Amino acid sequence: MTETIKIAYLYEDLMNTYGDSGDVKILSFLLKEQGYDTIVDNISLGMKFNAFDYDFVFFGGGQDFEQSVVAPDLQRHRQTIKDYIEADKPMLCICGGYQFLGKYYETSSGDTIPGLNILPLHTIFKADSRMIGDTEYKTKWGTVKAFENHSGRTYFDDKDKLKPFGTMIQGYGNNPDSGQEGMRYKNTIGSYSHGPILRNENVARAIADEIIKSHKERMAKKVK
C-alpha cells in the first residue's frame, strides 16, 4: 500500500501571485518518484488548521491587498505554526508568506500589517525601489538561480537567532544592503525566490528528504 504524504498549503487561493504553487507540484513529483502519494490541502479563510496533521507546510506570496485579507485570519493559527517551527518540522515560505513570519509588514500607504511575530524580522515597503530580476545566490545545498519581484525589504532583528538562506551573487535578496537572501531557522526557510525556487533540483530534493523524514516521524507517533 502506497503511503500518503500530507502537505498544507496556507491560503493557496489568495497567496499565489507569482505561481508559487509550482513548488508544491515539484515536491509532489519528487515524492512520487520515491514511492509516495501526496495530498495537498488548501488552508484558507475560516478553516481549522493543526500543523502537526501535516508533513510539510507551504506558504506562498501575495500582494498588499491579499496580505491584508489574510493577516487577521492567520493569527488564529499562530500557536500551531510556532510550535511546528520550533519542533524542527519542514516549512517553506515565499515572499509574503516569509514576511508573515515576522513582526510586521509596513505597506506602501504607511499602514502596518501585523505578522505572526514568531521570528525576529520585519519588512518595510519601499515604493521607489522595486527589486526585480534574475537572482543567484549560494546556499548550503549549492547555488540557486531564481527570480525576484518585491518592494518589501526584510531585516533581521536578531542576527544570532536567524541565519540567511543564501549569500547573494546576483540580485537583491532581503534588501539591497545585506547581501543575503532569505532566512533559515531550524527547518524553516523563507525566501524571495520565485521561478519557482524548487526548479533548483538541489534544493527541491533536500526539502523532499526532510518531508519524508517528517512523514516517518508522524506515522511513528500515530502507531504509538
N, C-alpha and C. Protein backbone atom coordinates (compact mmCIF):
# COMPACT_ATOMS: atom_id res chain seq x y z
N MET A 1 0.84 -1.21 0.00
CA MET A 1 0.00 0.00 0.00
C MET A 1 0.87 1.26 0.00
N THR A 2 0.58 2.18 -0.89
CA THR A 2 1.38 3.41 -1.01
C THR A 2 1.07 4.36 0.14
N GLU A 3 2.14 4.86 0.75
CA GLU A 3 1.96 5.84 1.83
C GLU A 3 1.65 7.21 1.24
N THR A 4 0.90 8.00 2.01
CA THR A 4 0.49 9.32 1.53
C THR A 4 1.07 10.41 2.42
N ILE A 5 1.78 11.33 1.81
CA ILE A 5 2.35 12.48 2.50
C ILE A 5 1.36 13.63 2.41
N LYS A 6 1.18 14.31 3.54
CA LYS A 6 0.20 15.40 3.62
C LYS A 6 0.91 16.76 3.63
N ILE A 7 0.49 17.62 2.72
CA ILE A 7 1.05 18.97 2.60
C ILE A 7 -0.04 20.00 2.87
N ALA A 8 0.25 20.95 3.72
CA ALA A 8 -0.66 22.06 3.97
C ALA A 8 -0.18 23.27 3.17
N TYR A 9 -1.06 23.79 2.33
CA TYR A 9 -0.75 24.99 1.54
C TYR A 9 -1.59 26.11 2.14
N LEU A 10 -0.94 27.04 2.83
CA LEU A 10 -1.65 28.11 3.52
C LEU A 10 -2.14 29.15 2.52
N TYR A 11 -3.45 29.33 2.45
CA TYR A 11 -4.10 30.36 1.63
C TYR A 11 -3.69 30.28 0.16
N GLU A 12 -3.74 29.07 -0.37
CA GLU A 12 -3.38 28.87 -1.78
C GLU A 12 -4.20 29.75 -2.71
N ASP A 13 -5.47 29.97 -2.38
CA ASP A 13 -6.36 30.74 -3.24
C ASP A 13 -6.07 32.24 -3.20
N LEU A 14 -5.31 32.69 -2.21
CA LEU A 14 -5.02 34.11 -2.07
C LEU A 14 -3.53 34.43 -2.21
N MET A 15 -2.68 33.52 -1.77
CA MET A 15 -1.24 33.77 -1.74
C MET A 15 -0.54 32.91 -2.80
N ASN A 16 -0.76 33.29 -4.07
CA ASN A 16 -0.14 32.57 -5.18
C ASN A 16 0.06 33.52 -6.36
N THR A 17 0.51 34.74 -6.05
CA THR A 17 0.62 35.78 -7.06
C THR A 17 1.58 35.42 -8.19
N TYR A 18 2.69 34.80 -7.86
CA TYR A 18 3.72 34.53 -8.87
C TYR A 18 3.87 33.04 -9.16
N GLY A 19 2.78 32.31 -9.03
CA GLY A 19 2.82 30.90 -9.39
C GLY A 19 3.63 30.03 -8.47
N ASP A 20 3.65 30.38 -7.18
CA ASP A 20 4.45 29.61 -6.23
C ASP A 20 3.92 28.19 -6.04
N SER A 21 2.71 27.93 -6.50
CA SER A 21 2.17 26.58 -6.41
C SER A 21 3.06 25.58 -7.15
N GLY A 22 3.88 26.07 -8.07
CA GLY A 22 4.83 25.21 -8.76
C GLY A 22 5.76 24.49 -7.81
N ASP A 23 6.08 25.12 -6.68
CA ASP A 23 6.95 24.48 -5.69
C ASP A 23 6.31 23.20 -5.15
N VAL A 24 5.02 23.28 -4.86
CA VAL A 24 4.31 22.12 -4.33
C VAL A 24 4.19 21.03 -5.39
N LYS A 25 3.98 21.42 -6.63
CA LYS A 25 3.88 20.44 -7.72
C LYS A 25 5.21 19.71 -7.91
N ILE A 26 6.30 20.44 -7.82
CA ILE A 26 7.62 19.83 -7.97
C ILE A 26 7.87 18.84 -6.83
N LEU A 27 7.55 19.23 -5.61
CA LEU A 27 7.73 18.33 -4.48
C LEU A 27 6.88 17.08 -4.63
N SER A 28 5.64 17.25 -5.08
CA SER A 28 4.76 16.09 -5.29
C SER A 28 5.36 15.13 -6.31
N PHE A 29 5.96 15.68 -7.36
CA PHE A 29 6.59 14.85 -8.38
C PHE A 29 7.78 14.08 -7.81
N LEU A 30 8.64 14.77 -7.05
CA LEU A 30 9.81 14.12 -6.47
C LEU A 30 9.42 13.06 -5.44
N LEU A 31 8.39 13.34 -4.67
CA LEU A 31 7.92 12.37 -3.68
C LEU A 31 7.31 11.15 -4.37
N LYS A 32 6.64 11.38 -5.49
CA LYS A 32 6.08 10.27 -6.27
C LYS A 32 7.20 9.38 -6.78
N GLU A 33 8.31 9.98 -7.19
CA GLU A 33 9.48 9.22 -7.63
C GLU A 33 9.97 8.27 -6.54
N GLN A 34 9.80 8.68 -5.30
CA GLN A 34 10.29 7.87 -4.18
C GLN A 34 9.20 6.99 -3.58
N GLY A 35 8.05 6.90 -4.29
CA GLY A 35 7.02 5.95 -3.90
C GLY A 35 5.93 6.47 -3.00
N TYR A 36 5.80 7.78 -2.90
CA TYR A 36 4.78 8.37 -2.03
C TYR A 36 3.72 9.11 -2.83
N ASP A 37 2.46 8.94 -2.44
CA ASP A 37 1.39 9.81 -2.93
C ASP A 37 1.37 11.07 -2.07
N THR A 38 0.74 12.13 -2.58
CA THR A 38 0.63 13.36 -1.80
C THR A 38 -0.81 13.86 -1.81
N ILE A 39 -1.20 14.42 -0.68
CA ILE A 39 -2.45 15.15 -0.56
C ILE A 39 -2.09 16.59 -0.20
N VAL A 40 -2.62 17.56 -0.96
CA VAL A 40 -2.36 18.97 -0.68
C VAL A 40 -3.67 19.62 -0.26
N ASP A 41 -3.71 20.13 0.96
CA ASP A 41 -4.90 20.81 1.48
C ASP A 41 -4.70 22.31 1.45
N ASN A 42 -5.66 23.01 0.84
CA ASN A 42 -5.66 24.47 0.87
C ASN A 42 -6.29 24.93 2.17
N ILE A 43 -5.47 25.52 3.04
CA ILE A 43 -5.97 26.03 4.32
C ILE A 43 -6.30 27.51 4.11
N SER A 44 -7.59 27.83 3.97
CA SER A 44 -7.98 29.19 3.63
C SER A 44 -8.80 29.83 4.75
N LEU A 45 -9.43 30.93 4.43
CA LEU A 45 -10.12 31.75 5.42
C LEU A 45 -11.16 30.95 6.19
N GLY A 46 -11.09 31.03 7.51
CA GLY A 46 -12.08 30.41 8.37
C GLY A 46 -11.91 28.93 8.62
N MET A 47 -10.93 28.31 8.00
CA MET A 47 -10.76 26.86 8.14
C MET A 47 -9.93 26.52 9.38
N LYS A 48 -10.17 25.32 9.91
CA LYS A 48 -9.37 24.83 11.03
C LYS A 48 -8.03 24.34 10.51
N PHE A 49 -7.02 24.41 11.38
CA PHE A 49 -5.68 24.00 10.95
C PHE A 49 -4.84 23.59 12.14
N ASN A 50 -4.33 22.37 12.08
CA ASN A 50 -3.35 21.88 13.05
C ASN A 50 -2.13 21.47 12.24
N ALA A 51 -1.05 22.22 12.38
CA ALA A 51 0.14 21.97 11.56
C ALA A 51 0.68 20.56 11.73
N PHE A 52 0.49 19.97 12.89
CA PHE A 52 1.05 18.65 13.16
C PHE A 52 0.27 17.52 12.49
N ASP A 53 -0.81 17.86 11.81
CA ASP A 53 -1.51 16.88 10.98
C ASP A 53 -0.82 16.69 9.63
N TYR A 54 0.23 17.50 9.38
CA TYR A 54 0.87 17.53 8.08
C TYR A 54 2.36 17.23 8.19
N ASP A 55 2.92 16.82 7.05
CA ASP A 55 4.35 16.52 6.97
C ASP A 55 5.15 17.71 6.46
N PHE A 56 4.45 18.68 5.88
CA PHE A 56 5.13 19.85 5.30
C PHE A 56 4.12 20.98 5.20
N VAL A 57 4.58 22.20 5.48
CA VAL A 57 3.72 23.38 5.37
C VAL A 57 4.35 24.34 4.37
N PHE A 58 3.52 24.81 3.42
CA PHE A 58 3.98 25.75 2.40
C PHE A 58 3.14 27.02 2.46
N PHE A 59 3.80 28.17 2.28
CA PHE A 59 3.12 29.46 2.35
C PHE A 59 3.69 30.34 1.23
N GLY A 60 2.87 30.65 0.23
CA GLY A 60 3.33 31.40 -0.93
C GLY A 60 3.22 32.91 -0.77
N GLY A 61 3.44 33.63 -1.87
CA GLY A 61 3.46 35.08 -1.85
C GLY A 61 2.15 35.70 -2.30
N GLY A 62 1.94 36.95 -1.89
CA GLY A 62 0.75 37.69 -2.28
C GLY A 62 1.02 39.18 -2.24
N GLN A 63 0.18 39.97 -2.90
CA GLN A 63 0.34 41.41 -2.90
C GLN A 63 -0.28 42.01 -1.65
N ASP A 64 -0.14 43.34 -1.52
CA ASP A 64 -0.58 44.02 -0.29
C ASP A 64 -2.04 43.73 0.05
N PHE A 65 -2.93 43.77 -0.95
CA PHE A 65 -4.35 43.56 -0.68
C PHE A 65 -4.60 42.16 -0.13
N GLU A 66 -4.05 41.16 -0.81
CA GLU A 66 -4.23 39.78 -0.34
C GLU A 66 -3.65 39.59 1.05
N GLN A 67 -2.51 40.20 1.32
CA GLN A 67 -1.89 40.07 2.64
C GLN A 67 -2.77 40.71 3.71
N SER A 68 -3.42 41.82 3.37
CA SER A 68 -4.30 42.48 4.35
C SER A 68 -5.53 41.64 4.65
N VAL A 69 -5.97 40.83 3.66
CA VAL A 69 -7.11 39.93 3.86
C VAL A 69 -6.70 38.73 4.71
N VAL A 70 -5.53 38.21 4.44
CA VAL A 70 -5.05 37.01 5.13
C VAL A 70 -4.66 37.30 6.58
N ALA A 71 -4.07 38.47 6.82
CA ALA A 71 -3.45 38.77 8.12
C ALA A 71 -4.33 38.50 9.33
N PRO A 72 -5.57 39.00 9.40
CA PRO A 72 -6.37 38.76 10.61
C PRO A 72 -6.75 37.30 10.79
N ASP A 73 -7.01 36.60 9.69
CA ASP A 73 -7.38 35.19 9.79
C ASP A 73 -6.19 34.34 10.21
N LEU A 74 -5.02 34.70 9.73
CA LEU A 74 -3.80 33.94 10.00
C LEU A 74 -3.47 33.89 11.49
N GLN A 75 -3.83 34.94 12.22
CA GLN A 75 -3.48 35.00 13.64
C GLN A 75 -4.07 33.82 14.42
N ARG A 76 -5.18 33.24 13.94
CA ARG A 76 -5.79 32.08 14.61
C ARG A 76 -4.83 30.90 14.67
N HIS A 77 -3.90 30.86 13.72
CA HIS A 77 -3.02 29.71 13.58
C HIS A 77 -1.61 29.97 14.14
N ARG A 78 -1.43 31.08 14.82
CA ARG A 78 -0.09 31.44 15.27
C ARG A 78 0.56 30.36 16.12
N GLN A 79 -0.18 29.85 17.11
CA GLN A 79 0.43 28.92 18.06
C GLN A 79 0.83 27.61 17.40
N THR A 80 -0.05 27.07 16.55
CA THR A 80 0.29 25.79 15.92
C THR A 80 1.45 25.93 14.94
N ILE A 81 1.52 27.08 14.23
CA ILE A 81 2.65 27.32 13.33
C ILE A 81 3.94 27.49 14.12
N LYS A 82 3.87 28.24 15.22
CA LYS A 82 5.05 28.43 16.06
C LYS A 82 5.55 27.11 16.61
N ASP A 83 4.64 26.31 17.13
CA ASP A 83 5.03 25.01 17.71
C ASP A 83 5.63 24.10 16.64
N TYR A 84 5.07 24.13 15.45
CA TYR A 84 5.54 23.32 14.33
C TYR A 84 6.97 23.73 13.95
N ILE A 85 7.20 25.02 13.86
CA ILE A 85 8.54 25.53 13.53
C ILE A 85 9.54 25.14 14.61
N GLU A 86 9.17 25.33 15.87
CA GLU A 86 10.08 25.03 16.97
C GLU A 86 10.35 23.54 17.08
N ALA A 87 9.43 22.70 16.58
CA ALA A 87 9.63 21.25 16.59
C ALA A 87 10.54 20.79 15.45
N ASP A 88 11.08 21.73 14.70
CA ASP A 88 12.05 21.44 13.64
C ASP A 88 11.40 20.73 12.46
N LYS A 89 10.14 21.03 12.19
CA LYS A 89 9.42 20.45 11.07
C LYS A 89 9.64 21.30 9.81
N PRO A 90 9.58 20.69 8.63
CA PRO A 90 9.90 21.42 7.40
C PRO A 90 8.79 22.37 6.95
N MET A 91 9.20 23.60 6.65
CA MET A 91 8.28 24.63 6.19
C MET A 91 9.02 25.53 5.20
N LEU A 92 8.35 25.88 4.11
CA LEU A 92 8.91 26.79 3.11
C LEU A 92 7.94 27.94 2.90
N CYS A 93 8.44 29.16 3.07
CA CYS A 93 7.62 30.37 2.94
C CYS A 93 8.24 31.28 1.89
N ILE A 94 7.45 31.70 0.91
CA ILE A 94 7.94 32.52 -0.19
C ILE A 94 7.35 33.93 -0.11
N CYS A 95 8.19 34.93 -0.22
CA CYS A 95 7.78 36.33 -0.34
C CYS A 95 6.82 36.74 0.78
N GLY A 96 5.53 36.94 0.48
CA GLY A 96 4.58 37.36 1.51
C GLY A 96 4.47 36.38 2.66
N GLY A 97 4.53 35.07 2.35
CA GLY A 97 4.49 34.06 3.40
C GLY A 97 5.68 34.17 4.32
N TYR A 98 6.84 34.47 3.76
CA TYR A 98 8.08 34.70 4.52
C TYR A 98 7.91 35.92 5.43
N GLN A 99 7.39 37.00 4.86
CA GLN A 99 7.21 38.23 5.64
C GLN A 99 6.26 38.03 6.82
N PHE A 100 5.26 37.19 6.65
CA PHE A 100 4.27 36.97 7.70
C PHE A 100 4.85 36.29 8.94
N LEU A 101 5.98 35.63 8.82
CA LEU A 101 6.59 35.00 9.98
C LEU A 101 7.16 36.04 10.95
N GLY A 102 7.37 37.26 10.46
CA GLY A 102 7.98 38.31 11.27
C GLY A 102 6.97 39.14 12.05
N LYS A 103 7.47 40.26 12.55
CA LYS A 103 6.66 41.11 13.43
C LYS A 103 5.60 41.89 12.66
N TYR A 104 5.99 42.50 11.53
CA TYR A 104 5.04 43.31 10.77
C TYR A 104 5.56 43.57 9.37
N TYR A 105 4.60 44.03 8.53
CA TYR A 105 4.92 44.46 7.17
C TYR A 105 4.33 45.86 7.00
N GLU A 106 5.19 46.84 6.78
CA GLU A 106 4.74 48.22 6.59
C GLU A 106 4.46 48.44 5.11
N THR A 107 3.21 48.78 4.76
CA THR A 107 2.79 48.86 3.37
C THR A 107 3.17 50.18 2.71
N SER A 108 2.85 50.28 1.41
CA SER A 108 3.17 51.48 0.64
C SER A 108 2.41 52.70 1.16
N SER A 109 1.25 52.49 1.79
CA SER A 109 0.45 53.59 2.30
C SER A 109 0.84 53.97 3.74
N GLY A 110 1.79 53.25 4.28
CA GLY A 110 2.22 53.53 5.65
C GLY A 110 1.47 52.74 6.70
N ASP A 111 0.50 51.93 6.25
CA ASP A 111 -0.21 51.06 7.19
C ASP A 111 0.68 49.90 7.60
N THR A 112 0.40 49.34 8.75
CA THR A 112 1.18 48.20 9.23
C THR A 112 0.32 46.96 9.28
N ILE A 113 0.73 45.93 8.55
CA ILE A 113 0.06 44.64 8.59
C ILE A 113 0.80 43.79 9.61
N PRO A 114 0.12 43.38 10.69
CA PRO A 114 0.82 42.58 11.70
C PRO A 114 1.17 41.21 11.19
N GLY A 115 2.37 40.75 11.52
CA GLY A 115 2.76 39.40 11.20
C GLY A 115 2.46 38.47 12.37
N LEU A 116 2.95 37.26 12.27
CA LEU A 116 2.72 36.29 13.33
C LEU A 116 3.65 36.52 14.52
N ASN A 117 4.70 37.30 14.30
CA ASN A 117 5.67 37.60 15.36
C ASN A 117 6.24 36.32 15.96
N ILE A 118 6.52 35.37 15.09
CA ILE A 118 7.16 34.13 15.51
C ILE A 118 8.68 34.27 15.42
N LEU A 119 9.16 34.92 14.37
CA LEU A 119 10.58 35.09 14.17
C LEU A 119 10.95 36.58 14.21
N PRO A 120 12.16 36.90 14.68
CA PRO A 120 12.57 38.30 14.85
C PRO A 120 13.02 38.95 13.53
N LEU A 121 12.04 39.34 12.73
CA LEU A 121 12.31 40.06 11.49
C LEU A 121 11.13 40.97 11.18
N HIS A 122 11.35 41.98 10.35
CA HIS A 122 10.27 42.86 9.92
C HIS A 122 10.54 43.29 8.49
N THR A 123 9.49 43.80 7.82
CA THR A 123 9.59 44.16 6.41
C THR A 123 8.99 45.54 6.19
N ILE A 124 9.68 46.36 5.38
CA ILE A 124 9.23 47.71 5.06
C ILE A 124 9.14 47.86 3.54
N PHE A 125 8.00 48.34 3.06
CA PHE A 125 7.76 48.54 1.63
C PHE A 125 8.42 49.85 1.18
N LYS A 126 9.21 49.78 0.10
CA LYS A 126 9.83 50.96 -0.49
C LYS A 126 9.34 51.09 -1.92
N ALA A 127 8.35 51.97 -2.12
CA ALA A 127 7.69 52.07 -3.42
C ALA A 127 8.61 52.55 -4.53
N ASP A 128 9.65 53.29 -4.18
CA ASP A 128 10.51 53.90 -5.20
C ASP A 128 11.67 52.99 -5.62
N SER A 129 11.74 51.80 -5.08
CA SER A 129 12.89 50.94 -5.41
C SER A 129 12.49 49.48 -5.45
N ARG A 130 11.71 49.12 -6.47
CA ARG A 130 11.28 47.73 -6.60
C ARG A 130 12.48 46.86 -6.97
N MET A 131 12.58 45.71 -6.35
CA MET A 131 13.68 44.78 -6.59
C MET A 131 13.16 43.65 -7.47
N ILE A 132 13.56 43.70 -8.71
CA ILE A 132 13.01 42.78 -9.70
C ILE A 132 14.11 42.30 -10.64
N GLY A 133 14.07 41.02 -10.98
CA GLY A 133 15.03 40.49 -11.93
C GLY A 133 15.56 39.13 -11.53
N ASP A 134 16.50 38.63 -12.33
CA ASP A 134 17.12 37.34 -12.03
C ASP A 134 17.98 37.46 -10.79
N THR A 135 18.01 36.38 -10.04
CA THR A 135 18.79 36.36 -8.82
C THR A 135 19.57 35.06 -8.73
N GLU A 136 20.74 35.13 -8.10
CA GLU A 136 21.58 33.96 -7.92
C GLU A 136 22.28 34.08 -6.58
N TYR A 137 22.34 32.97 -5.86
CA TYR A 137 22.99 33.01 -4.55
C TYR A 137 23.46 31.61 -4.14
N LYS A 138 24.36 31.59 -3.17
CA LYS A 138 24.92 30.34 -2.67
C LYS A 138 24.19 29.91 -1.40
N THR A 139 23.88 28.62 -1.30
CA THR A 139 23.26 28.06 -0.10
C THR A 139 24.07 26.85 0.36
N LYS A 140 23.67 26.26 1.48
CA LYS A 140 24.35 25.05 1.97
C LYS A 140 24.17 23.89 1.01
N TRP A 141 23.16 23.98 0.11
CA TRP A 141 22.90 22.91 -0.85
C TRP A 141 23.43 23.26 -2.24
N GLY A 142 24.21 24.32 -2.35
CA GLY A 142 24.74 24.72 -3.64
C GLY A 142 24.08 26.00 -4.15
N THR A 143 24.37 26.34 -5.40
CA THR A 143 23.89 27.58 -5.99
C THR A 143 22.42 27.48 -6.37
N VAL A 144 21.71 28.61 -6.17
CA VAL A 144 20.31 28.72 -6.54
C VAL A 144 20.16 29.85 -7.56
N LYS A 145 19.40 29.59 -8.62
CA LYS A 145 19.05 30.62 -9.59
C LYS A 145 17.53 30.75 -9.61
N ALA A 146 17.04 31.99 -9.50
CA ALA A 146 15.59 32.19 -9.39
C ALA A 146 15.24 33.58 -9.94
N PHE A 147 14.08 34.07 -9.53
CA PHE A 147 13.58 35.38 -9.97
C PHE A 147 12.93 36.06 -8.78
N GLU A 148 13.21 37.34 -8.60
CA GLU A 148 12.61 38.10 -7.50
C GLU A 148 11.81 39.28 -8.05
N ASN A 149 10.74 39.63 -7.33
CA ASN A 149 9.89 40.75 -7.73
C ASN A 149 9.19 41.26 -6.48
N HIS A 150 9.83 42.18 -5.76
CA HIS A 150 9.28 42.66 -4.49
C HIS A 150 9.78 44.06 -4.19
N SER A 151 8.96 44.81 -3.46
CA SER A 151 9.36 46.11 -2.95
C SER A 151 9.57 46.08 -1.44
N GLY A 152 9.20 44.96 -0.83
CA GLY A 152 9.41 44.82 0.60
C GLY A 152 10.86 44.51 0.92
N ARG A 153 11.41 45.24 1.87
CA ARG A 153 12.77 44.99 2.34
C ARG A 153 12.69 44.35 3.72
N THR A 154 13.28 43.18 3.85
CA THR A 154 13.21 42.45 5.10
C THR A 154 14.51 42.58 5.88
N TYR A 155 14.38 42.80 7.19
CA TYR A 155 15.52 43.00 8.08
C TYR A 155 15.42 42.05 9.26
N PHE A 156 16.54 41.45 9.65
CA PHE A 156 16.60 40.59 10.83
C PHE A 156 16.74 41.47 12.07
N ASP A 157 15.95 41.18 13.08
CA ASP A 157 16.06 41.90 14.36
C ASP A 157 16.95 41.15 15.36
N ASP A 158 17.25 39.89 15.06
CA ASP A 158 18.15 39.09 15.90
C ASP A 158 19.00 38.25 14.97
N LYS A 159 20.18 38.75 14.66
CA LYS A 159 21.04 38.08 13.68
C LYS A 159 21.72 36.84 14.25
N ASP A 160 21.67 36.68 15.56
CA ASP A 160 22.22 35.47 16.16
C ASP A 160 21.23 34.31 16.01
N LYS A 161 19.94 34.62 16.09
CA LYS A 161 18.91 33.59 16.00
C LYS A 161 18.63 33.19 14.56
N LEU A 162 18.56 34.16 13.67
CA LEU A 162 18.23 33.90 12.27
C LEU A 162 19.49 33.87 11.41
N LYS A 163 19.52 32.95 10.48
CA LYS A 163 20.61 32.87 9.53
C LYS A 163 20.05 33.07 8.12
N PRO A 164 20.81 33.67 7.21
CA PRO A 164 20.32 33.81 5.84
C PRO A 164 20.24 32.45 5.16
N PHE A 165 19.30 32.32 4.24
CA PHE A 165 19.21 31.11 3.44
C PHE A 165 20.37 31.06 2.46
N GLY A 166 20.76 32.23 1.93
CA GLY A 166 21.84 32.24 0.96
C GLY A 166 22.63 33.53 0.97
N THR A 167 23.78 33.51 0.30
CA THR A 167 24.64 34.68 0.12
C THR A 167 24.57 35.11 -1.33
N MET A 168 24.26 36.38 -1.56
CA MET A 168 23.99 36.86 -2.91
C MET A 168 25.20 36.83 -3.83
N ILE A 169 24.94 36.42 -5.07
CA ILE A 169 25.88 36.56 -6.17
C ILE A 169 25.35 37.62 -7.14
N GLN A 170 24.05 37.54 -7.41
CA GLN A 170 23.36 38.48 -8.31
C GLN A 170 21.98 38.75 -7.75
N GLY A 171 21.55 40.02 -7.79
CA GLY A 171 20.22 40.38 -7.32
C GLY A 171 20.27 41.06 -5.97
N TYR A 172 19.11 41.22 -5.36
CA TYR A 172 18.98 42.00 -4.12
C TYR A 172 18.77 41.14 -2.88
N GLY A 173 17.91 40.13 -2.96
CA GLY A 173 17.64 39.32 -1.78
C GLY A 173 16.77 40.05 -0.78
N ASN A 174 17.11 39.92 0.50
CA ASN A 174 16.29 40.51 1.56
C ASN A 174 16.17 42.02 1.44
N ASN A 175 17.27 42.66 1.14
CA ASN A 175 17.32 44.12 0.97
C ASN A 175 18.63 44.46 0.27
N PRO A 176 18.75 45.65 -0.32
CA PRO A 176 19.94 45.96 -1.12
C PRO A 176 21.24 46.02 -0.34
N ASP A 177 21.17 46.11 0.98
CA ASP A 177 22.37 46.34 1.79
C ASP A 177 22.94 45.09 2.45
N SER A 178 22.13 44.04 2.61
CA SER A 178 22.58 42.91 3.43
C SER A 178 23.46 41.91 2.68
N GLY A 179 23.26 41.79 1.35
CA GLY A 179 23.98 40.78 0.60
C GLY A 179 23.51 39.37 0.91
N GLN A 180 22.31 39.26 1.46
CA GLN A 180 21.78 37.97 1.89
C GLN A 180 20.40 37.73 1.29
N GLU A 181 20.09 36.45 1.05
CA GLU A 181 18.79 36.09 0.52
C GLU A 181 18.07 35.18 1.51
N GLY A 182 16.86 35.59 1.86
CA GLY A 182 16.01 34.74 2.65
C GLY A 182 16.49 34.50 4.07
N MET A 183 15.89 33.50 4.70
CA MET A 183 16.12 33.21 6.10
C MET A 183 16.03 31.72 6.33
N ARG A 184 16.83 31.24 7.27
CA ARG A 184 16.70 29.86 7.71
C ARG A 184 16.73 29.83 9.24
N TYR A 185 15.72 29.17 9.80
CA TYR A 185 15.66 28.97 11.24
C TYR A 185 15.18 27.54 11.47
N LYS A 186 16.02 26.73 12.14
CA LYS A 186 15.73 25.31 12.29
C LYS A 186 15.44 24.71 10.91
N ASN A 187 14.23 24.19 10.69
CA ASN A 187 13.93 23.56 9.40
C ASN A 187 12.95 24.40 8.58
N THR A 188 12.88 25.69 8.90
CA THR A 188 12.01 26.62 8.19
C THR A 188 12.85 27.53 7.30
N ILE A 189 12.42 27.65 6.05
CA ILE A 189 13.10 28.51 5.07
C ILE A 189 12.15 29.60 4.62
N GLY A 190 12.62 30.83 4.60
CA GLY A 190 11.91 31.95 4.00
C GLY A 190 12.73 32.47 2.84
N SER A 191 12.08 32.85 1.74
CA SER A 191 12.82 33.28 0.56
C SER A 191 11.98 34.21 -0.30
N TYR A 192 12.66 35.08 -1.03
CA TYR A 192 12.01 35.93 -2.03
C TYR A 192 12.07 35.32 -3.43
N SER A 193 12.50 34.09 -3.54
CA SER A 193 12.74 33.48 -4.84
C SER A 193 11.49 32.85 -5.44
N HIS A 194 11.12 33.35 -6.61
CA HIS A 194 10.07 32.75 -7.41
C HIS A 194 10.73 31.99 -8.56
N GLY A 195 9.93 31.50 -9.45
CA GLY A 195 10.53 30.89 -10.63
C GLY A 195 9.99 29.54 -11.04
N PRO A 196 9.49 28.64 -10.17
CA PRO A 196 9.57 28.70 -8.72
C PRO A 196 10.96 28.29 -8.21
N ILE A 197 11.23 28.54 -6.96
CA ILE A 197 12.56 28.26 -6.40
C ILE A 197 12.94 26.79 -6.54
N LEU A 198 11.96 25.89 -6.44
CA LEU A 198 12.29 24.47 -6.43
C LEU A 198 12.53 23.88 -7.81
N ARG A 199 12.58 24.73 -8.83
CA ARG A 199 13.12 24.24 -10.10
C ARG A 199 14.62 23.99 -9.94
N ASN A 200 15.21 24.52 -8.85
CA ASN A 200 16.57 24.19 -8.46
C ASN A 200 16.53 22.83 -7.77
N GLU A 201 16.92 21.80 -8.51
CA GLU A 201 16.73 20.43 -8.05
C GLU A 201 17.50 20.14 -6.76
N ASN A 202 18.63 20.81 -6.56
CA ASN A 202 19.41 20.58 -5.35
C ASN A 202 18.61 20.94 -4.10
N VAL A 203 17.90 22.06 -4.15
CA VAL A 203 17.08 22.48 -3.01
C VAL A 203 15.83 21.62 -2.91
N ALA A 204 15.20 21.35 -4.05
CA ALA A 204 13.96 20.57 -4.05
C ALA A 204 14.17 19.18 -3.45
N ARG A 205 15.24 18.52 -3.84
CA ARG A 205 15.48 17.17 -3.32
C ARG A 205 15.84 17.19 -1.84
N ALA A 206 16.55 18.22 -1.40
CA ALA A 206 16.88 18.32 0.02
C ALA A 206 15.61 18.50 0.86
N ILE A 207 14.70 19.33 0.38
CA ILE A 207 13.45 19.54 1.10
C ILE A 207 12.58 18.29 1.05
N ALA A 208 12.55 17.61 -0.09
CA ALA A 208 11.79 16.36 -0.19
C ALA A 208 12.28 15.34 0.82
N ASP A 209 13.59 15.27 1.01
CA ASP A 209 14.15 14.35 2.01
C ASP A 209 13.67 14.70 3.42
N GLU A 210 13.60 16.00 3.72
CA GLU A 210 13.13 16.43 5.04
C GLU A 210 11.64 16.12 5.22
N ILE A 211 10.89 16.22 4.14
CA ILE A 211 9.46 15.90 4.21
C ILE A 211 9.25 14.41 4.50
N ILE A 212 10.03 13.58 3.85
CA ILE A 212 9.92 12.14 4.10
C ILE A 212 10.27 11.82 5.54
N LYS A 213 11.31 12.45 6.06
CA LYS A 213 11.69 12.27 7.47
C LYS A 213 10.55 12.70 8.38
N SER A 214 9.94 13.83 8.09
CA SER A 214 8.82 14.35 8.88
C SER A 214 7.64 13.38 8.83
N HIS A 215 7.39 12.83 7.65
CA HIS A 215 6.29 11.87 7.48
C HIS A 215 6.51 10.62 8.34
N LYS A 216 7.72 10.10 8.31
CA LYS A 216 8.03 8.90 9.09
C LYS A 216 7.85 9.16 10.59
N GLU A 217 8.23 10.34 11.04
CA GLU A 217 8.06 10.69 12.45
C GLU A 217 6.59 10.78 12.82
N ARG A 218 5.78 11.37 11.93
CA ARG A 218 4.34 11.50 12.20
C ARG A 218 3.68 10.13 12.23
N MET A 219 4.06 9.25 11.32
CA MET A 219 3.48 7.91 11.29
C MET A 219 3.88 7.10 12.51
N ALA A 220 5.11 7.27 12.97
CA ALA A 220 5.58 6.56 14.16
C ALA A 220 4.79 6.97 15.40
N LYS A 221 4.44 8.25 15.48
CA LYS A 221 3.64 8.73 16.62
C LYS A 221 2.22 8.19 16.56
N LYS A 222 1.68 8.04 15.34
CA LYS A 222 0.33 7.50 15.20
C LYS A 222 0.27 6.04 15.64
N VAL A 223 1.33 5.30 15.36
CA VAL A 223 1.39 3.89 15.75
C VAL A 223 1.39 3.75 17.27
N LYS A 224 2.12 4.65 17.93
CA LYS A 224 2.17 4.62 19.40
C LYS A 224 0.80 4.92 20.01
